[in-house]
């Protein structure tokens, strides 16, 4: 019996993915449902604004990995950032936009759904900004790839 349990456990984790095969689109879908339920906070899953921003960042990273229809939030965010970069404020780099996003999430009392939107947007901004922001983005994507095999 012990050998059977060991064999079954080894077979489940042989690929190194904790949840098995879920795919990038499936992971993005699951993160979106978790985020949606969490920001509503009416049942068992309740997210604070800080938690929603972090889950949004994870979801945004999964969106980038999934591509297809999931890439729309990242494309919209990059378009908005480009309009700020070349707007009336002069030359505004992506690093500055990333810093402002973090300051708004940290410094303002946001509702969880608003913080989640900032988190989703931060995924594409961090990746485009480079520097320390790129390290955050790359580390998160690498961790998700190790755990889920998707990013």
Protein backbone atom coordinates (compact mmCIF):
# COMPACT_ATOMS: atom_id res chain seq x y z
CA UNK A 1 0.00 0.00 0.00
CA UNK A 2 2.85 2.40 0.86
CA UNK A 3 4.45 1.76 -2.53
CA UNK A 4 1.14 2.44 -4.33
CA UNK A 5 0.72 5.80 -2.54
CA UNK A 6 4.33 6.73 -3.32
CA UNK A 7 3.87 5.78 -6.97
CA UNK A 8 0.64 7.78 -7.28
CA UNK A 9 2.17 10.82 -5.60
CA UNK A 10 5.28 10.62 -7.79
CA UNK A 11 3.12 10.36 -10.91
CA UNK A 12 1.09 13.44 -10.04
CA UNK A 13 4.11 15.67 -9.49
CA UNK A 14 6.45 14.18 -12.06
CA UNK A 15 6.11 17.22 -14.32
CA UNK A 16 6.76 19.61 -11.43
CA UNK A 17 3.39 21.36 -11.71
CA UNK A 18 1.44 21.42 -8.48
CA UNK A 19 -2.01 21.68 -10.06
CA UNK A 20 -1.34 19.44 -13.03
CA UNK A 21 -1.96 20.57 -16.58
CA UNK A 22 -4.14 23.68 -16.61
CA UNK A 23 -2.67 25.71 -19.48
CA UNK A 24 -2.00 29.43 -19.63
CA UNK A 25 -5.58 30.29 -20.62
CA UNK A 26 -6.97 28.10 -17.85
CA UNK A 27 -4.70 29.74 -15.28
CA UNK A 28 -5.75 33.20 -16.50
CA UNK A 29 -9.41 32.17 -16.28
CA UNK A 30 -9.01 30.79 -12.76
CA UNK A 31 -7.16 33.93 -11.62
CA UNK A 32 -9.90 36.12 -13.09
CA UNK A 33 -12.67 34.18 -11.35
CA UNK A 34 -10.74 34.30 -8.05
CA UNK A 35 -10.21 38.04 -8.47
CA UNK A 36 -13.84 38.68 -9.41
CA UNK A 37 -15.16 36.73 -6.43
CA UNK A 38 -12.59 38.26 -4.08
CA UNK A 39 -13.31 41.89 -4.90
CA UNK A 40 -17.04 41.31 -4.48
CA UNK A 41 -16.22 39.82 -1.09
CA UNK A 42 -19.73 38.56 -0.40
CA UNK A 43 -18.91 34.95 0.29
CA UNK A 44 -15.86 32.95 1.34
CA UNK A 45 -13.30 34.74 -0.81
CA UNK A 46 -12.72 38.32 0.36
CA UNK A 47 -9.79 40.42 -0.78
CA UNK A 48 -8.60 43.68 0.72
CA UNK A 49 -7.36 46.38 -1.65
CA UNK A 50 -3.72 45.32 -1.14
CA UNK A 51 -4.53 41.66 -1.71
CA UNK A 52 -6.59 42.52 -4.80
CA UNK A 53 -3.66 44.50 -6.25
CA UNK A 54 -1.31 41.55 -5.76
CA UNK A 55 -3.77 39.03 -7.22
CA UNK A 56 -4.35 41.48 -10.09
CA UNK A 57 -0.60 41.56 -10.75
CA UNK A 58 -0.52 37.76 -10.84
CA UNK A 59 -3.58 37.70 -13.12
CA UNK A 60 -2.02 40.29 -15.44
CA UNK A 61 1.14 38.21 -15.68
CA UNK A 62 -0.96 35.15 -16.54
CA UNK A 63 -2.83 37.21 -19.17
CA UNK A 64 0.47 38.03 -20.85
CA UNK A 65 1.44 34.35 -20.85
CA UNK A 66 -1.92 33.24 -22.22
CA UNK A 67 -1.91 35.81 -25.05
CA UNK A 68 -4.96 35.54 -27.35
CA UNK A 69 -7.97 37.37 -25.91
CA UNK A 70 -6.22 37.63 -22.53
CA UNK A 71 -3.69 40.11 -23.92
CA UNK A 72 -6.30 42.87 -24.29
CA UNK A 73 -5.80 44.38 -20.79
CA UNK A 74 -2.04 44.60 -21.36
CA UNK A 75 -2.49 46.20 -24.77
CA UNK A 76 -4.93 48.76 -23.38
CA UNK A 77 -2.57 49.55 -20.50
CA UNK A 78 0.40 50.02 -22.82
CA UNK A 79 -1.69 52.34 -25.01
CA UNK A 80 -2.68 54.46 -22.02
CA UNK A 81 0.91 54.57 -20.81
CA UNK A 82 2.09 55.68 -24.26
CA UNK A 83 -0.40 58.56 -24.21
CA UNK A 84 0.98 59.67 -20.82
CA UNK A 85 4.58 59.34 -22.01
CA UNK A 86 4.09 61.71 -24.92
CA UNK A 87 1.47 63.96 -23.33
CA UNK A 88 1.59 67.37 -21.73
CA UNK A 89 3.88 66.21 -18.89
CA UNK A 90 6.95 66.04 -21.12
CA UNK A 91 9.14 62.96 -21.29
CA UNK A 92 7.69 60.47 -18.79
CA UNK A 93 9.40 57.09 -18.71
CA UNK A 94 7.72 53.75 -18.02
CA UNK A 95 9.63 53.54 -14.74
CA UNK A 96 7.93 56.73 -13.60
CA UNK A 97 4.53 55.36 -14.58
CA UNK A 98 5.27 52.16 -12.63
CA UNK A 99 6.31 54.19 -9.58
CA UNK A 100 3.18 56.34 -9.75
CA UNK A 101 0.99 53.24 -9.98
CA UNK A 102 2.60 51.75 -6.88
CA UNK A 103 2.26 55.07 -5.03
CA UNK A 104 -1.44 55.33 -5.89
CA UNK A 105 -2.15 51.75 -4.76
CA UNK A 106 -0.12 52.20 -1.57
CA UNK A 107 -1.05 55.80 -0.78
CA UNK A 108 -4.75 55.98 -1.63
CA UNK A 109 -7.62 54.18 0.00
CA UNK A 110 -8.84 52.23 -3.01
CA UNK A 111 -11.71 49.83 -3.30
CA UNK A 112 -10.57 46.26 -3.96
CA UNK A 113 -11.87 46.28 -7.55
CA UNK A 114 -9.94 49.48 -8.35
CA UNK A 115 -6.78 48.08 -6.77
CA UNK A 116 -7.26 44.89 -8.81
CA UNK A 117 -7.36 46.94 -12.02
CA UNK A 118 -4.14 48.69 -11.00
CA UNK A 119 -2.58 45.28 -10.33
CA UNK A 120 -3.59 43.93 -13.72
CA UNK A 121 -2.22 47.05 -15.40
CA UNK A 122 1.00 46.85 -13.37
CA UNK A 123 1.90 43.50 -14.93
CA UNK A 124 2.41 44.98 -18.40
CA UNK A 125 3.83 48.28 -17.14
CA UNK A 126 6.43 46.54 -14.95
CA UNK A 127 7.52 44.32 -17.85
CA UNK A 128 7.87 47.32 -20.18
CA UNK A 129 9.60 49.56 -17.61
CA UNK A 130 12.66 47.38 -17.08
CA UNK A 131 15.00 48.02 -14.17
CA UNK A 132 13.77 46.87 -10.77
CA UNK A 133 10.24 46.73 -12.17
CA UNK A 134 11.38 44.24 -14.79
CA UNK A 135 12.99 42.13 -12.07
CA UNK A 136 9.63 41.95 -10.27
CA UNK A 137 7.87 40.99 -13.49
CA UNK A 138 10.44 38.39 -14.51
CA UNK A 139 10.61 36.85 -11.04
CA UNK A 140 6.82 36.56 -10.83
CA UNK A 141 6.59 35.01 -14.31
CA UNK A 142 9.37 32.57 -13.47
CA UNK A 143 7.69 31.57 -10.21
CA UNK A 144 4.36 31.02 -11.96
CA UNK A 145 6.08 28.92 -14.57
CA UNK A 146 7.69 26.75 -11.89
CA UNK A 147 4.44 26.24 -9.97
CA UNK A 148 1.89 26.14 -12.80
CA UNK A 149 3.94 25.74 -15.94
CA UNK A 150 2.15 28.61 -17.67
CA UNK A 151 4.01 31.93 -17.54
